[in-house]
C-alpha atoms as a PDB file:
ATOM      1  CA  UNK A   1      -9.647  14.594  19.852  1.00  0.00           C
ATOM      2  CA  UNK A   2     -10.788  18.036  21.272  1.00  0.00           C
ATOM      3  CA  UNK A   3      -7.246  19.096  22.378  1.00  0.00           C
ATOM      4  CA  UNK A   4      -5.642  18.500  19.415  1.00  0.00           C
ATOM      5  CA  UNK A   5      -8.255  20.377  17.286  1.00  0.00           C
ATOM      6  CA  UNK A   6      -7.640  22.992  19.626  1.00  0.00           C
ATOM      7  CA  UNK A   7      -3.973  23.280  18.662  1.00  0.00           C
ATOM      8  CA  UNK A   8      -4.724  22.940  14.974  1.00  0.00           C
ATOM      9  CA  UNK A   9      -7.133  25.922  15.482  1.00  0.00           C
ATOM     10  CA  UNK A  10      -4.081  27.732  17.252  1.00  0.00           C
ATOM     11  CA  UNK A  11      -2.343  27.524  14.006  1.00  0.00           C
ATOM     12  CA  UNK A  12      -4.382  29.857  12.163  1.00  0.00           C
ATOM     13  CA  UNK A  13      -4.209  29.335   8.905  1.00  0.00           C
ATOM     14  CA  UNK A  14      -3.351  25.719   7.455  1.00  0.00           C
ATOM     15  CA  UNK A  15      -3.871  26.799   3.982  1.00  0.00           C
ATOM     16  CA  UNK A  16      -0.781  25.106   1.472  1.00  0.00           C
ATOM     17  CA  UNK A  17       0.779  28.763   0.588  1.00  0.00           C
ATOM     18  CA  UNK A  18       1.343  29.793   4.331  1.00  0.00           C
ATOM     19  CA  UNK A  19       4.605  29.098   6.564  1.00  0.00           C
ATOM     20  CA  UNK A  20       5.961  25.768   7.026  1.00  0.00           C
ATOM     21  CA  UNK A  21       8.822  26.755   9.681  1.00  0.00           C
ATOM     22  CA  UNK A  22       7.155  29.112  11.838  1.00  0.00           C
ATOM     23  CA  UNK A  23       6.462  27.006  14.695  1.00  0.00           C
ATOM     24  CA  UNK A  24       3.205  29.218  15.709  1.00  0.00           C
ATOM     25  CA  UNK A  25       1.227  29.804  12.606  1.00  0.00           C
ATOM     26  CA  UNK A  26       0.817  28.003   9.073  1.00  0.00           C
ATOM     27  CA  UNK A  27       0.767  24.923   7.372  1.00  0.00           C
ATOM     28  CA  UNK A  28       3.922  23.908   9.078  1.00  0.00           C
ATOM     29  CA  UNK A  29       2.566  24.492  12.810  1.00  0.00           C
ATOM     30  CA  UNK A  30      -0.171  22.335  11.780  1.00  0.00           C
ATOM     31  CA  UNK A  31       1.855  19.391  10.795  1.00  0.00           C
ATOM     32  CA  UNK A  32       4.107  19.662  13.887  1.00  0.00           C
ATOM     33  CA  UNK A  33       1.145  19.379  16.185  1.00  0.00           C
ATOM     34  CA  UNK A  34       0.113  16.155  14.200  1.00  0.00           C
ATOM     35  CA  UNK A  35       3.798  14.985  14.466  1.00  0.00           C
ATOM     36  CA  UNK A  36       3.868  15.539  18.234  1.00  0.00           C
ATOM     37  CA  UNK A  37       0.373  13.632  18.767  1.00  0.00           C
ATOM     38  CA  UNK A  38       1.481  10.823  16.648  1.00  0.00           C
ATOM     39  CA  UNK A  39       4.880  10.729  18.832  1.00  0.00           C
ATOM     40  CA  UNK A  40       2.620  10.555  21.794  1.00  0.00           C
ATOM     41  CA  UNK A  41       0.953   7.451  20.201  1.00  0.00           C
ATOM     42  CA  UNK A  42       3.904   5.712  19.081  1.00  0.00           C
ATOM     43  CA  UNK A  43       5.437   5.612  22.695  1.00  0.00           C
ATOM     44  CA  UNK A  44       2.839   2.958  23.462  1.00  0.00           C
ATOM     45  CA  UNK A  45       3.118   1.228  20.255  1.00  0.00           C
ATOM     46  CA  UNK A  46       6.195  -0.775  21.586  1.00  0.00           C
ATOM     47  CA  UNK A  47       8.183   0.140  18.471  1.00  0.00           C
ATOM     48  CA  UNK A  48       5.559  -0.521  15.631  1.00  0.00           C
ATOM     49  CA  UNK A  49       4.735   2.776  15.090  1.00  0.00           C
ATOM     50  CA  UNK A  50       7.209   5.032  13.282  1.00  0.00           C
ATOM     51  CA  UNK A  51       6.794   8.528  12.651  1.00  0.00           C
ATOM     52  CA  UNK A  52       8.499  10.960  10.205  1.00  0.00           C
ATOM     53  CA  UNK A  53       8.273  14.242   8.349  1.00  0.00           C
ATOM     54  CA  UNK A  54       8.859  13.785   4.657  1.00  0.00           C
ATOM     55  CA  UNK A  55      10.072  17.154   3.489  1.00  0.00           C
ATOM     56  CA  UNK A  56      10.297  18.692   0.024  1.00  0.00           C
ATOM     57  CA  UNK A  57       9.956  21.373  -2.096  1.00  0.00           C
ATOM     58  CA  UNK A  58       7.168  22.841  -3.895  1.00  0.00           C
ATOM     59  CA  UNK A  59       6.216  25.343  -6.443  1.00  0.00           C
ATOM     60  CA  UNK A  60       2.322  27.110  -6.483  1.00  0.00           C
ATOM     61  CA  UNK A  61       1.302  29.212  -9.347  1.00  0.00           C
ATOM     62  CA  UNK A  62      -1.212  31.124  -7.096  1.00  0.00           C
ATOM     63  CA  UNK A  63       2.203  31.894  -5.229  1.00  0.00           C
ATOM     64  CA  UNK A  64       3.845  33.685  -8.572  1.00  0.00           C
ATOM     65  CA  UNK A  65       5.567  30.252  -8.815  1.00  0.00           C
ATOM     66  CA  UNK A  66       8.147  30.310  -6.457  1.00  0.00           C
ATOM     67  CA  UNK A  67       9.347  27.231  -4.973  1.00  0.00           C
ATOM     68  CA  UNK A  68       9.185  26.990  -0.993  1.00  0.00           C
ATOM     69  CA  UNK A  69       9.715  24.376   1.964  1.00  0.00           C
ATOM     70  CA  UNK A  70       7.021  21.902   2.579  1.00  0.00           C
ATOM     71  CA  UNK A  71       6.278  18.778   4.224  1.00  0.00           C
ATOM     72  CA  UNK A  72       3.889  15.818   5.415  1.00  0.00           C
ATOM     73  CA  UNK A  73       3.756  13.609   8.377  1.00  0.00           C
ATOM     74  CA  UNK A  74       4.266   9.838   7.409  1.00  0.00           C
ATOM     75  CA  UNK A  75       3.601   7.338   9.862  1.00  0.00           C
ATOM     76  CA  UNK A  76       4.630   3.775   9.168  1.00  0.00           C
ATOM     77  CA  UNK A  77       2.413   0.979  11.299  1.00  0.00           C
ATOM     78  CA  UNK A  78       4.310  -2.099   9.680  1.00  0.00           C
ATOM     79  CA  UNK A  79       3.175  -5.099  11.908  1.00  0.00           C
ATOM     80  CA  UNK A  80      -0.037  -3.346  13.484  1.00  0.00           C
ATOM     81  CA  UNK A  81      -2.757  -5.125  11.545  1.00  0.00           C
ATOM     82  CA  UNK A  82      -2.314  -9.020  10.883  1.00  0.00           C
ATOM     83  CA  UNK A  83      -4.377  -8.702   7.837  1.00  0.00           C
ATOM     84  CA  UNK A  84      -1.824  -6.171   6.426  1.00  0.00           C
ATOM     85  CA  UNK A  85       0.827  -9.126   6.008  1.00  0.00           C
ATOM     86  CA  UNK A  86       4.189  -9.074   5.883  1.00  0.00           C
ATOM     87  CA  UNK A  87       4.546  -5.666   4.710  1.00  0.00           C
ATOM     88  CA  UNK A  88       2.252  -3.729   6.985  1.00  0.00           C
ATOM     89  CA  UNK A  89       0.631  -0.997   6.290  1.00  0.00           C
ATOM     90  CA  UNK A  90       1.726   2.716   5.657  1.00  0.00           C
ATOM     91  CA  UNK A  91      -0.948   5.928   6.701  1.00  0.00           C
ATOM     92  CA  UNK A  92      -0.256   9.104   5.562  1.00  0.00           C
ATOM     93  CA  UNK A  93      -1.404  12.267   6.846  1.00  0.00           C
ATOM     94  CA  UNK A  94      -0.658  15.345   4.586  1.00  0.00           C
ATOM     95  CA  UNK A  95      -0.658  18.429   5.377  1.00  0.00           C
END
């Protein structure tokens, strides 16, 4: 957990209005670090954990109403928890 936090701190700001495409700084950098960690966990799940990035466009009034790219990490944990039933459970990490 400490290593992940240090990587997130290394991204500088994770403000929504920051860069979503810079691999070294901003919200996109933070998202990519989370995705990388979930992918490490997914390797040990036997295919039960699927990780993807849901990319979308957003507009922010604080940014002069300009439209920009954004994305959130989505993990599908179907079948991981018996109490979730056949539909499984989806857990979302949004940056």
